[in-house]
C-alpha atoms as a PDB file:
ATOM      1  CA  MET A   1     213.627 -83.421 -14.080  1.00  0.00           C
ATOM      2  CA  ALA A   2     209.712 -84.048 -14.078  1.00  0.00           C
ATOM      3  CA  MET A   3     206.908 -80.855 -14.638  1.00  0.00           C
ATOM      4  CA  LYS A   4     205.446 -79.757 -11.169  1.00  0.00           C
ATOM      5  CA  TYR A   5     201.506 -79.343 -11.746  1.00  0.00           C
ATOM      6  CA  SER A   6     200.794 -75.637 -12.123  1.00  0.00           C
ATOM      7  CA  GLU A   7     198.844 -73.490  -9.320  1.00  0.00           C
ATOM      8  CA  THR A   8     195.838 -73.881 -11.686  1.00  0.00           C
ATOM      9  CA  VAL A   9     195.742 -77.396 -11.817  1.00  0.00           C
ATOM     10  CA  MET A  10     196.110 -77.635  -8.155  1.00  0.00           C
ATOM     11  CA  GLU A  11     193.875 -75.399  -7.447  1.00  0.00           C
ATOM     12  CA  HIS A  12     191.053 -77.032  -9.487  1.00  0.00           C
ATOM     13  CA  PHE A  13     192.843 -80.618  -7.837  1.00  0.00           C
ATOM     14  CA  ARG A  14     191.977 -79.044  -4.106  1.00  0.00           C
ATOM     15  CA  ASN A  15     188.699 -77.113  -4.947  1.00  0.00           C
ATOM     16  CA  PRO A  16     186.598 -78.673  -7.970  1.00  0.00           C
ATOM     17  CA  ARG A  17     183.663 -77.260  -9.254  1.00  0.00           C
ATOM     18  CA  ASN A  18     180.789 -78.608 -10.603  1.00  0.00           C
ATOM     19  CA  VAL A  19     181.552 -81.743  -8.746  1.00  0.00           C
ATOM     20  CA  GLY A  20     178.452 -84.322  -8.541  1.00  0.00           C
ATOM     21  CA  GLU A  21     175.464 -85.997 -10.657  1.00  0.00           C
ATOM     22  CA  ILE A  22     172.621 -84.312 -12.450  1.00  0.00           C
ATOM     23  CA  PRO A  23     169.619 -86.688 -11.083  1.00  0.00           C
ATOM     24  CA  ASP A  24     167.354 -85.533 -14.274  1.00  0.00           C
ATOM     25  CA  ALA A  25     170.461 -85.149 -17.239  1.00  0.00           C
ATOM     26  CA  ASP A  26     169.451 -85.088 -20.664  1.00  0.00           C
ATOM     27  CA  GLY A  27     172.685 -86.764 -21.270  1.00  0.00           C
ATOM     28  CA  ILE A  28     175.627 -88.613 -19.773  1.00  0.00           C
ATOM     29  CA  GLY A  29     178.775 -89.704 -20.860  1.00  0.00           C
ATOM     30  CA  GLU A  30     181.279 -92.100 -19.515  1.00  0.00           C
ATOM     31  CA  VAL A  31     184.767 -92.628 -20.033  1.00  0.00           C
ATOM     32  CA  GLY A  32     187.098 -94.893 -18.111  1.00  0.00           C
ATOM     33  CA  ASN A  33     190.509 -96.474 -18.502  1.00  0.00           C
ATOM     34  CA  PRO A  34     191.091 -99.498 -16.601  1.00  0.00           C
ATOM     35  CA  GLN A  35     194.807 -99.819 -16.855  1.00  0.00           C
ATOM     36  CA  CYS A  36     195.274 -96.278 -14.961  1.00  0.00           C
ATOM     37  CA  GLY A  37     192.183 -96.418 -13.045  1.00  0.00           C
ATOM     38  CA  ASP A  38     190.908 -93.007 -14.462  1.00  0.00           C
ATOM     39  CA  ILE A  39     186.793 -93.086 -14.206  1.00  0.00           C
ATOM     40  CA  MET A  40     185.030 -90.053 -15.214  1.00  0.00           C
ATOM     41  CA  THR A  41     181.187 -89.066 -15.975  1.00  0.00           C
ATOM     42  CA  PHE A  42     179.701 -86.369 -16.980  1.00  0.00           C
ATOM     43  CA  TYR A  43     176.065 -85.188 -16.894  1.00  0.00           C
ATOM     44  CA  ILE A  44     174.575 -82.279 -18.627  1.00  0.00           C
ATOM     45  CA  LYS A  45     171.685 -80.472 -18.683  1.00  0.00           C
ATOM     46  CA  VAL A  46     170.486 -78.684 -21.924  1.00  0.00           C
ATOM     47  CA  LYS A  47     168.617 -75.767 -22.494  1.00  0.00           C
ATOM     48  CA  ASP A  48     167.987 -73.811 -26.019  1.00  0.00           C
ATOM     49  CA  ASP A  49     170.665 -76.148 -27.404  1.00  0.00           C
ATOM     50  CA  LYS A  50     173.349 -74.638 -25.204  1.00  0.00           C
ATOM     51  CA  LEU A  51     174.847 -76.580 -22.052  1.00  0.00           C
ATOM     52  CA  ASP A  52     172.641 -75.246 -19.067  1.00  0.00           C
ATOM     53  CA  ASP A  53     174.884 -77.307 -16.435  1.00  0.00           C
ATOM     54  CA  VAL A  54     177.779 -79.656 -16.386  1.00  0.00           C
ATOM     55  CA  LYS A  55     178.701 -82.078 -13.424  1.00  0.00           C
ATOM     56  CA  PHE A  56     181.049 -84.655 -13.034  1.00  0.00           C
ATOM     57  CA  GLN A  57     182.432 -87.548 -10.718  1.00  0.00           C
ATOM     58  CA  THR A  58     185.518 -88.544 -11.295  1.00  0.00           C
ATOM     59  CA  PHE A  59     187.849 -91.317  -9.997  1.00  0.00           C
ATOM     60  CA  GLY A  60     191.299 -91.402 -10.442  1.00  0.00           C
ATOM     61  CA  CYS A  61     194.264 -88.965 -10.164  1.00  0.00           C
ATOM     62  CA  GLY A  62     194.605 -85.485  -8.903  1.00  0.00           C
ATOM     63  CA  ALA A  63     195.425 -84.468 -12.831  1.00  0.00           C
ATOM     64  CA  ALA A  64     192.049 -86.185 -13.715  1.00  0.00           C
ATOM     65  CA  ILE A  65     190.293 -84.652 -11.229  1.00  0.00           C
ATOM     66  CA  ALA A  66     191.277 -80.858 -12.286  1.00  0.00           C
ATOM     67  CA  VAL A  67     190.647 -81.680 -15.734  1.00  0.00           C
ATOM     68  CA  SER A  68     187.407 -82.520 -15.340  1.00  0.00           C
ATOM     69  CA  SER A  69     186.493 -79.440 -12.784  1.00  0.00           C
ATOM     70  CA  MET A  70     188.129 -77.027 -15.923  1.00  0.00           C
ATOM     71  CA  ILE A  71     186.294 -78.517 -18.818  1.00  0.00           C
ATOM     72  CA  SER A  72     183.148 -78.382 -16.654  1.00  0.00           C
ATOM     73  CA  GLU A  73     183.807 -74.288 -16.495  1.00  0.00           C
ATOM     74  CA  MET A  74     185.073 -74.258 -20.058  1.00  0.00           C
ATOM     75  CA  ALA A  75     181.588 -75.974 -21.148  1.00  0.00           C
ATOM     76  CA  LYS A  76     179.134 -74.697 -19.238  1.00  0.00           C
ATOM     77  CA  GLY A  77     176.778 -71.837 -21.129  1.00  0.00           C
ATOM     78  CA  LYS A  78     178.552 -72.860 -24.254  1.00  0.00           C
ATOM     79  CA  PRO A  79     176.558 -74.225 -27.780  1.00  0.00           C
ATOM     80  CA  LEU A  80     176.438 -78.173 -28.010  1.00  0.00           C
ATOM     81  CA  ASP A  81     178.958 -78.018 -31.273  1.00  0.00           C
ATOM     82  CA  ASP A  82     181.736 -75.016 -29.361  1.00  0.00           C
ATOM     83  CA  ALA A  83     181.383 -77.654 -26.392  1.00  0.00           C
ATOM     84  CA  VAL A  84     182.265 -80.932 -28.431  1.00  0.00           C
ATOM     85  CA  ALA A  85     185.033 -78.797 -29.892  1.00  0.00           C
ATOM     86  CA  ILE A  86     186.848 -78.161 -26.618  1.00  0.00           C
ATOM     87  CA  SER A  87     189.842 -79.984 -27.889  1.00  0.00           C
ATOM     88  CA  ASN A  88     192.365 -81.726 -24.813  1.00  0.00           C
ATOM     89  CA  LYS A  89     194.813 -79.446 -25.757  1.00  0.00           C
ATOM     90  CA  ALA A  90     192.839 -76.476 -25.133  1.00  0.00           C
ATOM     91  CA  VAL A  91     191.877 -77.924 -21.853  1.00  0.00           C
ATOM     92  CA  ALA A  92     195.609 -78.669 -20.867  1.00  0.00           C
ATOM     93  CA  GLU A  93     196.508 -75.214 -21.702  1.00  0.00           C
ATOM     94  CA  ALA A  94     193.767 -73.540 -19.462  1.00  0.00           C
ATOM     95  CA  LEU A  95     195.449 -75.518 -16.667  1.00  0.00           C
ATOM     96  CA  GLY A  96     198.768 -73.992 -17.139  1.00  0.00           C
ATOM     97  CA  GLY A  97     200.044 -77.284 -18.621  1.00  0.00           C
ATOM     98  CA  LEU A  98     200.145 -80.609 -17.827  1.00  0.00           C
ATOM     99  CA  PRO A  99     202.904 -83.664 -17.133  1.00  0.00           C
ATOM    100  CA  THR A 100     203.228 -85.821 -20.363  1.00  0.00           C
ATOM    101  CA  ASN A 101     201.964 -88.546 -18.322  1.00  0.00           C
ATOM    102  CA  LYS A 102     199.301 -86.954 -17.148  1.00  0.00           C
ATOM    103  CA  MET A 103     198.258 -85.326 -20.845  1.00  0.00           C
ATOM    104  CA  HIS A 104     196.052 -88.395 -21.470  1.00  0.00           C
ATOM    105  CA  CYS A 105     193.590 -87.179 -18.431  1.00  0.00           C
ATOM    106  CA  SER A 106     192.976 -84.242 -20.759  1.00  0.00           C
ATOM    107  CA  ASN A 107     191.479 -86.350 -23.637  1.00  0.00           C
ATOM    108  CA  LEU A 108     189.497 -88.801 -21.173  1.00  0.00           C
ATOM    109  CA  GLY A 109     187.664 -85.769 -19.969  1.00  0.00           C
ATOM    110  CA  ALA A 110     187.173 -84.249 -23.322  1.00  0.00           C
ATOM    111  CA  ASP A 111     185.695 -87.618 -24.405  1.00  0.00           C
ATOM    112  CA  ALA A 112     183.517 -87.982 -21.426  1.00  0.00           C
ATOM    113  CA  LEU A 113     182.191 -84.191 -22.063  1.00  0.00           C
ATOM    114  CA  ARG A 114     181.454 -85.741 -26.070  1.00  0.00           C
ATOM    115  CA  ALA A 115     179.776 -88.595 -25.024  1.00  0.00           C
ATOM    116  CA  ALA A 116     177.694 -86.538 -22.559  1.00  0.00           C
ATOM    117  CA  ILE A 117     176.818 -84.577 -25.881  1.00  0.00           C
ATOM    118  CA  GLN A 118     176.429 -87.396 -27.846  1.00  0.00           C
ATOM    119  CA  SER A 119     173.888 -89.211 -25.371  1.00  0.00           C
ATOM    120  CA  TYR A 120     171.890 -85.908 -25.256  1.00  0.00           C
ATOM    121  CA  ARG A 121     171.833 -86.069 -29.248  1.00  0.00           C
ATOM    122  CA  ASP A 122     170.736 -89.844 -29.303  1.00  0.00           C
ATOM    123  CA  LYS A 123     167.757 -89.523 -26.706  1.00  0.00           C
ATOM    124  CA  VAL A 124     166.501 -86.617 -28.999  1.00  0.00           C
ATOM    125  CA  ALA A 125     166.934 -88.402 -32.242  1.00  0.00           C
ATOM    126  CA  ALA A 126     165.159 -91.336 -30.935  1.00  0.00           C
ATOM    127  CA  ASN A 127     162.699 -89.353 -28.464  1.00  0.00           C
ATOM    128  CA  LEU A 128     163.850 -91.159 -25.451  1.00  0.00           C
ATOM    129  CA  ALA A 129     162.496 -90.351 -21.873  1.00  0.00           C
ATOM    130  CA  GLU A 130     165.764 -91.220 -20.559  1.00  0.00           C
ATOM    131  CA  PRO A 131     168.748 -90.477 -21.909  1.00  0.00           C
ATOM    132  CA  PRO A 132     171.194 -93.759 -23.153  1.00  0.00           C
ATOM    133  CA  ARG A 133     174.523 -93.968 -20.985  1.00  0.00           C
ATOM    134  CA  VAL A 134     177.445 -93.287 -23.664  1.00  0.00           C
ATOM    135  CA  LYS A 135     180.283 -95.234 -22.615  1.00  0.00           C
ATOM    136  CA  VAL A 136     183.274 -94.384 -24.592  1.00  0.00           C
ATOM    137  CA  GLU A 137     186.801 -96.779 -25.042  1.00  0.00           C
ATOM    138  CA  PRO A 138     189.666 -94.372 -24.164  1.00  0.00           C
ATOM    139  CA  GLU A 139     192.508 -94.175 -27.115  1.00  0.00           C
ATOM    140  CA  THR A 140     195.207 -96.165 -25.898  1.00  0.00           C
ATOM    141  CA  ASP A 141     198.250 -93.772 -27.671  1.00  0.00           C
ATOM    142  CA  HIS A 142     200.042 -93.970 -24.163  1.00  0.00           C
ATOM    143  CA  ASP A 143     201.631 -96.529 -22.463  1.00  0.00           C
ATOM    144  CA  HIS A 144     199.876 -97.384 -19.103  1.00  0.00           C
ATOM    145  CA  GLU A 145     201.231-100.975 -18.752  1.00  0.00           C
ATOM    146  CA  ALA A 146     204.530 -99.866 -18.593  1.00  0.00           C
ATOM    147  CA  GLU A 147     203.254 -97.326 -15.450  1.00  0.00           C
ATOM    148  CA  ALA A 148     203.592 -98.636 -12.286  1.00  0.00           C
ATOM    149  CA  VAL A 149     204.003 -95.855 -10.639  1.00  0.00           C
ATOM    150  CA  CYS A 150     201.882 -93.170  -9.013  1.00  0.00           C
ATOM    151  CA  HIS A 151     202.581 -89.422  -9.483  1.00  0.00           C
ATOM    152  CA  CYS A 152     202.281 -87.001  -6.308  1.00  0.00           C
ATOM    153  CA  PRO A 153     199.955 -84.349  -7.208  1.00  0.00           C
ATOM    154  CA  TYR A 154     202.226 -82.054  -5.275  1.00  0.00           C
ATOM    155  CA  CYS A 155     205.500 -82.432  -6.588  1.00  0.00           C
ATOM    156  CA  ASP A 156     205.154 -84.756  -9.459  1.00  0.00           C
ATOM    157  CA  LEU A 157     207.760 -87.229  -8.615  1.00  0.00           C
ATOM    158  CA  GLU A 158     206.948 -90.563  -9.516  1.00  0.00           C
ATOM    159  CA  ASN A 159     206.430 -93.133  -5.972  1.00  0.00           C
ATOM    160  CA  PRO A 160     205.437 -96.391  -5.905  1.00  0.00           C
ATOM    161  CA  SER A 161     202.006 -97.443  -6.662  1.00  0.00           C
ATOM    162  CA  ASP A 162     200.825 -98.587  -3.306  1.00  0.00           C
ATOM    163  CA  ALA A 163     202.770 -96.050  -1.632  1.00  0.00           C
ATOM    164  CA  PRO A 164     200.360 -94.088   1.068  1.00  0.00           C
ATOM    165  CA  TYR A 165     202.436 -91.104   0.689  1.00  0.00           C
ATOM    166  CA  CYS A 166     205.039 -89.208  -1.562  1.00  0.00           C
ATOM    167  CA  THR A 167     208.191 -90.410  -0.550  1.00  0.00           C
ATOM    168  CA  SER A 168     210.015 -87.218  -1.488  1.00  0.00           C
ATOM    169  CA  CYS A 169     207.565 -84.467   0.152  1.00  0.00           C
ATOM    170  CA  GLY A 170     205.760 -86.480   2.745  1.00  0.00           C
ATOM    171  CA  LYS A 171     201.602 -85.743   1.352  1.00  0.00           C
ATOM    172  CA  PRO A 172     199.437 -88.578   1.151  1.00  0.00           C
ATOM    173  CA  LEU A 173     198.673 -89.529  -2.250  1.00  0.00           C
ATOM    174  CA  ASP A 174     195.201 -90.447  -3.854  1.00  0.00           C
ATOM    175  CA  THR A 175     196.552 -93.914  -5.017  1.00  0.00           C
ATOM    176  CA  HIS A 176     195.090 -96.090  -7.561  1.00  0.00           C
END
């Protein structure tokens, strides 16, 4: 039996926090996985070596959106070294767990935040006016090539990747 998404995941999916772009960001980090279609970009503002603001833009499944939202909340206000240390396990736990086939989303989100912080540090070290956009290639410790299905964010059942609605619960799918 597949694991259903927790209420916390669904809340962050339906009402994501800190969505958007920071036009004058101090750091920009992007991670994308072309096999599964998830792309996350994090924007940060830094004040007194702390994350003063964190925003994100995510194109992906419900879990990817929920992970981005949770990470933005977990990171905001933290010193940079503490934010860099946010682990994928901590994100998944804060969300009340993720199905095994969606754990990679927590890796992508943590990687994107770390890339934004690296972008800020590179900007400061090189005394640049604009932060470089740091892109990270995700680890490939999961097998997306074999994943030709979409998982419903409401009931977590598998559906064909091009299905507009869940074949089980009938809710609309964010296909990618």
